[in-house]
Each structure stands twice: as C-alpha cells, then as structure tokens.
Amino acid sequence: LKHRGQSPDVVDLVLSLNQKRKTLIFKSEQKQSEIKNLSNQIGKNKNHLELVSQYKDKVEKLKQDQIKEIEELKIVENELNELLLNIPNILD
C-alpha cells in the first residue's frame, strides 16, 4: 500500500470498522429477537392488562434502541465503504 500512496494503517481502520459493523448488526438482531418474543408474550397474556402494558413499554424501548443502532450502523457502513473505495488494488 505504501507504493500506491496509501498508509498501511488504513487496513487496521477497515478491520476495526468491519468489527464494529458486525457488532452493531448482532446487537440489532438480538433486539429484534427480543421484540418478537415480547410480542408473542403480549399475545399470550392479552387478559393481563398490567403485564401487557409492561411488555409494550419494553418493546417500545427496544425499538428505539434498535433505531439508534441502525442509524449508527449506516454511518459505520458509509465510512467503511468510503475507505474501501479509496484503497487501491494490489497487483500480483
């Protein structure tokens, strides 16, 4: 990369951003799974209004957290794509 005008540190940054991207995807998928489980519990406990209300509050908080993580994921993916586009091809 040095011969092509790029700092080798870019590779470390790409790897770091990729790891952060994977972590955010994993957290978002976990939250989606929790939301699904809580939604199932809401359906099963329709007659217990207080319990349903608690579940709905948890679902709403999880959805808000998930939205924040997705927004952060988009930022990380954009940064990663920008870096990857600027890395030159390495010839054999």
N, C-alpha and C. Protein backbone atom coordinates (compact mmCIF):
# COMPACT_ATOMS: atom_id res chain seq x y z
N LEU A 1 0.82 -1.20 0.00
CA LEU A 1 0.00 0.00 0.00
C LEU A 1 0.86 1.26 0.00
N LYS A 2 2.05 1.17 0.62
CA LYS A 2 2.93 2.34 0.65
C LYS A 2 3.30 2.79 -0.75
N HIS A 3 3.57 1.83 -1.64
CA HIS A 3 3.96 2.15 -3.01
C HIS A 3 2.83 2.79 -3.79
N ARG A 4 1.62 2.59 -3.35
CA ARG A 4 0.45 3.15 -4.04
C ARG A 4 -0.07 4.41 -3.37
N GLY A 5 0.70 4.95 -2.43
CA GLY A 5 0.31 6.21 -1.80
C GLY A 5 -0.68 6.08 -0.68
N GLN A 6 -0.86 4.91 -0.12
CA GLN A 6 -1.80 4.70 0.99
C GLN A 6 -1.03 4.28 2.23
N SER A 7 -1.49 4.72 3.35
CA SER A 7 -0.90 4.33 4.62
C SER A 7 -1.38 2.92 4.98
N PRO A 8 -0.48 2.08 5.47
CA PRO A 8 -0.91 0.73 5.89
C PRO A 8 -1.88 0.75 7.07
N ASP A 9 -1.95 1.87 7.76
CA ASP A 9 -2.88 1.99 8.89
C ASP A 9 -4.34 1.91 8.45
N VAL A 10 -4.58 2.15 7.16
CA VAL A 10 -5.94 2.09 6.63
C VAL A 10 -6.52 0.69 6.81
N VAL A 11 -5.67 -0.31 6.67
CA VAL A 11 -6.12 -1.70 6.81
C VAL A 11 -6.64 -1.94 8.22
N ASP A 12 -5.91 -1.44 9.22
CA ASP A 12 -6.35 -1.59 10.61
C ASP A 12 -7.68 -0.89 10.84
N LEU A 13 -7.83 0.29 10.26
CA LEU A 13 -9.08 1.03 10.40
C LEU A 13 -10.24 0.29 9.73
N VAL A 14 -10.00 -0.28 8.57
CA VAL A 14 -11.03 -1.06 7.87
C VAL A 14 -11.44 -2.26 8.73
N LEU A 15 -10.46 -2.95 9.27
CA LEU A 15 -10.77 -4.11 10.11
C LEU A 15 -11.55 -3.69 11.36
N SER A 16 -11.17 -2.58 11.94
CA SER A 16 -11.86 -2.08 13.13
C SER A 16 -13.31 -1.71 12.81
N LEU A 17 -13.51 -0.98 11.72
CA LEU A 17 -14.87 -0.60 11.33
C LEU A 17 -15.71 -1.81 10.97
N ASN A 18 -15.09 -2.80 10.34
CA ASN A 18 -15.83 -4.01 9.99
C ASN A 18 -16.27 -4.75 11.25
N GLN A 19 -15.41 -4.81 12.25
CA GLN A 19 -15.77 -5.46 13.51
C GLN A 19 -16.91 -4.70 14.20
N LYS A 20 -16.83 -3.37 14.18
CA LYS A 20 -17.90 -2.56 14.77
C LYS A 20 -19.21 -2.79 14.03
N ARG A 21 -19.13 -2.88 12.70
CA ARG A 21 -20.32 -3.14 11.88
C ARG A 21 -20.95 -4.47 12.26
N LYS A 22 -20.13 -5.50 12.39
CA LYS A 22 -20.65 -6.83 12.77
C LYS A 22 -21.29 -6.80 14.15
N THR A 23 -20.68 -6.09 15.08
CA THR A 23 -21.22 -5.99 16.44
C THR A 23 -22.59 -5.30 16.42
N LEU A 24 -22.70 -4.21 15.67
CA LEU A 24 -23.96 -3.49 15.59
C LEU A 24 -25.06 -4.35 14.94
N ILE A 25 -24.70 -5.09 13.91
CA ILE A 25 -25.67 -5.99 13.28
C ILE A 25 -26.15 -7.03 14.28
N PHE A 26 -25.21 -7.62 15.03
CA PHE A 26 -25.55 -8.64 16.01
C PHE A 26 -26.49 -8.07 17.08
N LYS A 27 -26.16 -6.88 17.60
CA LYS A 27 -27.00 -6.26 18.64
C LYS A 27 -28.40 -5.96 18.10
N SER A 28 -28.47 -5.48 16.88
CA SER A 28 -29.76 -5.16 16.28
C SER A 28 -30.60 -6.42 16.10
N GLU A 29 -29.96 -7.50 15.67
CA GLU A 29 -30.69 -8.76 15.50
C GLU A 29 -31.15 -9.32 16.84
N GLN A 30 -30.33 -9.14 17.88
CA GLN A 30 -30.74 -9.58 19.22
C GLN A 30 -31.97 -8.81 19.68
N LYS A 31 -31.95 -7.50 19.46
CA LYS A 31 -33.10 -6.69 19.86
C LYS A 31 -34.35 -7.11 19.09
N GLN A 32 -34.20 -7.39 17.81
CA GLN A 32 -35.34 -7.83 17.01
C GLN A 32 -35.90 -9.14 17.55
N SER A 33 -35.03 -10.03 17.97
CA SER A 33 -35.46 -11.30 18.56
C SER A 33 -36.21 -11.06 19.87
N GLU A 34 -35.69 -10.15 20.70
CA GLU A 34 -36.37 -9.83 21.97
C GLU A 34 -37.74 -9.22 21.70
N ILE A 35 -37.81 -8.34 20.71
CA ILE A 35 -39.09 -7.70 20.36
C ILE A 35 -40.10 -8.78 19.94
N LYS A 36 -39.64 -9.73 19.14
CA LYS A 36 -40.52 -10.80 18.68
C LYS A 36 -41.02 -11.64 19.86
N ASN A 37 -40.11 -11.97 20.77
CA ASN A 37 -40.51 -12.76 21.94
C ASN A 37 -41.50 -12.01 22.82
N LEU A 38 -41.24 -10.72 23.04
CA LEU A 38 -42.16 -9.93 23.86
C LEU A 38 -43.52 -9.79 23.17
N SER A 39 -43.51 -9.65 21.86
CA SER A 39 -44.77 -9.55 21.12
C SER A 39 -45.59 -10.83 21.27
N ASN A 40 -44.89 -11.96 21.25
CA ASN A 40 -45.58 -13.24 21.47
C ASN A 40 -46.16 -13.29 22.88
N GLN A 41 -45.43 -12.78 23.86
CA GLN A 41 -45.92 -12.76 25.24
C GLN A 41 -47.14 -11.85 25.37
N ILE A 42 -47.13 -10.75 24.64
CA ILE A 42 -48.29 -9.85 24.66
C ILE A 42 -49.52 -10.59 24.16
N GLY A 43 -49.36 -11.34 23.08
CA GLY A 43 -50.49 -12.11 22.54
C GLY A 43 -50.99 -13.17 23.50
N LYS A 44 -50.08 -13.81 24.20
CA LYS A 44 -50.46 -14.87 25.14
C LYS A 44 -51.12 -14.33 26.40
N ASN A 45 -50.78 -13.10 26.79
CA ASN A 45 -51.27 -12.54 28.05
C ASN A 45 -52.22 -11.37 27.84
N LYS A 46 -53.05 -11.46 26.81
CA LYS A 46 -53.99 -10.38 26.49
C LYS A 46 -54.88 -9.99 27.67
N ASN A 47 -55.21 -10.94 28.50
CA ASN A 47 -56.14 -10.69 29.60
C ASN A 47 -55.48 -10.00 30.78
N HIS A 48 -54.17 -9.99 30.86
CA HIS A 48 -53.45 -9.35 31.97
C HIS A 48 -52.95 -7.99 31.50
N LEU A 49 -53.79 -6.99 31.64
CA LEU A 49 -53.52 -5.66 31.08
C LEU A 49 -52.24 -5.03 31.63
N GLU A 50 -51.98 -5.22 32.91
CA GLU A 50 -50.79 -4.61 33.51
C GLU A 50 -49.52 -5.25 32.93
N LEU A 51 -49.54 -6.55 32.78
CA LEU A 51 -48.40 -7.27 32.21
C LEU A 51 -48.20 -6.88 30.74
N VAL A 52 -49.29 -6.77 30.01
CA VAL A 52 -49.22 -6.38 28.60
C VAL A 52 -48.64 -4.97 28.48
N SER A 53 -49.04 -4.10 29.38
CA SER A 53 -48.53 -2.72 29.37
C SER A 53 -47.01 -2.70 29.59
N GLN A 54 -46.54 -3.53 30.52
CA GLN A 54 -45.10 -3.62 30.78
C GLN A 54 -44.37 -4.14 29.54
N TYR A 55 -44.91 -5.14 28.91
CA TYR A 55 -44.29 -5.70 27.71
C TYR A 55 -44.25 -4.66 26.59
N LYS A 56 -45.34 -3.92 26.44
CA LYS A 56 -45.38 -2.90 25.39
C LYS A 56 -44.34 -1.82 25.63
N ASP A 57 -44.15 -1.44 26.90
CA ASP A 57 -43.13 -0.44 27.23
C ASP A 57 -41.73 -0.96 26.88
N LYS A 58 -41.48 -2.23 27.19
CA LYS A 58 -40.18 -2.84 26.87
C LYS A 58 -39.97 -2.90 25.36
N VAL A 59 -41.02 -3.25 24.63
CA VAL A 59 -40.93 -3.33 23.17
C VAL A 59 -40.62 -1.96 22.60
N GLU A 60 -41.27 -0.95 23.09
CA GLU A 60 -41.04 0.41 22.59
C GLU A 60 -39.61 0.87 22.85
N LYS A 61 -39.09 0.57 24.04
CA LYS A 61 -37.71 0.93 24.36
C LYS A 61 -36.74 0.17 23.47
N LEU A 62 -36.99 -1.11 23.27
CA LEU A 62 -36.13 -1.91 22.40
C LEU A 62 -36.14 -1.38 20.97
N LYS A 63 -37.31 -0.99 20.49
CA LYS A 63 -37.41 -0.45 19.13
C LYS A 63 -36.62 0.85 19.00
N GLN A 64 -36.71 1.70 20.02
CA GLN A 64 -35.95 2.96 19.98
C GLN A 64 -34.44 2.69 19.99
N ASP A 65 -34.01 1.75 20.82
CA ASP A 65 -32.60 1.38 20.86
C ASP A 65 -32.16 0.80 19.52
N GLN A 66 -33.00 -0.01 18.94
CA GLN A 66 -32.68 -0.63 17.66
C GLN A 66 -32.55 0.43 16.56
N ILE A 67 -33.41 1.42 16.58
CA ILE A 67 -33.34 2.50 15.60
C ILE A 67 -32.01 3.24 15.72
N LYS A 68 -31.58 3.51 16.94
CA LYS A 68 -30.30 4.19 17.15
C LYS A 68 -29.14 3.34 16.63
N GLU A 69 -29.20 2.05 16.89
CA GLU A 69 -28.13 1.16 16.42
C GLU A 69 -28.11 1.07 14.90
N ILE A 70 -29.28 1.06 14.27
CA ILE A 70 -29.34 1.00 12.81
C ILE A 70 -28.77 2.29 12.21
N GLU A 71 -29.07 3.42 12.84
CA GLU A 71 -28.52 4.69 12.36
C GLU A 71 -27.00 4.69 12.48
N GLU A 72 -26.49 4.20 13.61
CA GLU A 72 -25.05 4.11 13.80
C GLU A 72 -24.44 3.13 12.80
N LEU A 73 -25.14 2.05 12.52
CA LEU A 73 -24.68 1.06 11.55
C LEU A 73 -24.54 1.69 10.17
N LYS A 74 -25.51 2.50 9.78
CA LYS A 74 -25.44 3.16 8.48
C LYS A 74 -24.22 4.07 8.39
N ILE A 75 -23.92 4.78 9.47
CA ILE A 75 -22.76 5.66 9.49
C ILE A 75 -21.47 4.85 9.36
N VAL A 76 -21.38 3.76 10.12
CA VAL A 76 -20.19 2.91 10.07
C VAL A 76 -20.03 2.29 8.69
N GLU A 77 -21.13 1.82 8.11
CA GLU A 77 -21.06 1.22 6.77
C GLU A 77 -20.62 2.24 5.73
N ASN A 78 -21.10 3.47 5.85
CA ASN A 78 -20.69 4.52 4.91
C ASN A 78 -19.20 4.81 5.04
N GLU A 79 -18.71 4.91 6.27
CA GLU A 79 -17.28 5.14 6.50
C GLU A 79 -16.46 3.98 5.93
N LEU A 80 -16.91 2.77 6.19
CA LEU A 80 -16.20 1.59 5.71
C LEU A 80 -16.17 1.55 4.18
N ASN A 81 -17.30 1.80 3.57
CA ASN A 81 -17.36 1.80 2.10
C ASN A 81 -16.46 2.88 1.51
N GLU A 82 -16.45 4.04 2.13
CA GLU A 82 -15.59 5.14 1.66
C GLU A 82 -14.12 4.74 1.73
N LEU A 83 -13.73 4.11 2.82
CA LEU A 83 -12.35 3.66 2.95
C LEU A 83 -12.01 2.59 1.92
N LEU A 84 -12.92 1.65 1.75
CA LEU A 84 -12.67 0.55 0.81
C LEU A 84 -12.56 1.06 -0.63
N LEU A 85 -13.34 2.08 -0.95
CA LEU A 85 -13.27 2.64 -2.30
C LEU A 85 -11.93 3.33 -2.57
N ASN A 86 -11.30 3.83 -1.51
CA ASN A 86 -10.05 4.56 -1.67
C ASN A 86 -8.81 3.69 -1.59
N ILE A 87 -8.98 2.42 -1.26
CA ILE A 87 -7.84 1.52 -1.21
C ILE A 87 -7.58 1.01 -2.62
N PRO A 88 -6.37 1.20 -3.12
CA PRO A 88 -6.07 0.75 -4.49
C PRO A 88 -5.97 -0.76 -4.56
N ASN A 89 -6.19 -1.28 -5.75
CA ASN A 89 -5.99 -2.72 -5.99
C ASN A 89 -4.50 -3.03 -5.88
N ILE A 90 -4.21 -4.16 -5.32
CA ILE A 90 -2.81 -4.57 -5.20
C ILE A 90 -2.53 -5.60 -6.29
N LEU A 91 -1.54 -5.28 -7.10
CA LEU A 91 -1.19 -6.18 -8.19
C LEU A 91 -0.42 -7.36 -7.67
N ASP A 92 -0.44 -8.47 -8.41
CA ASP A 92 0.30 -9.67 -8.02
C ASP A 92 1.80 -9.46 -8.10
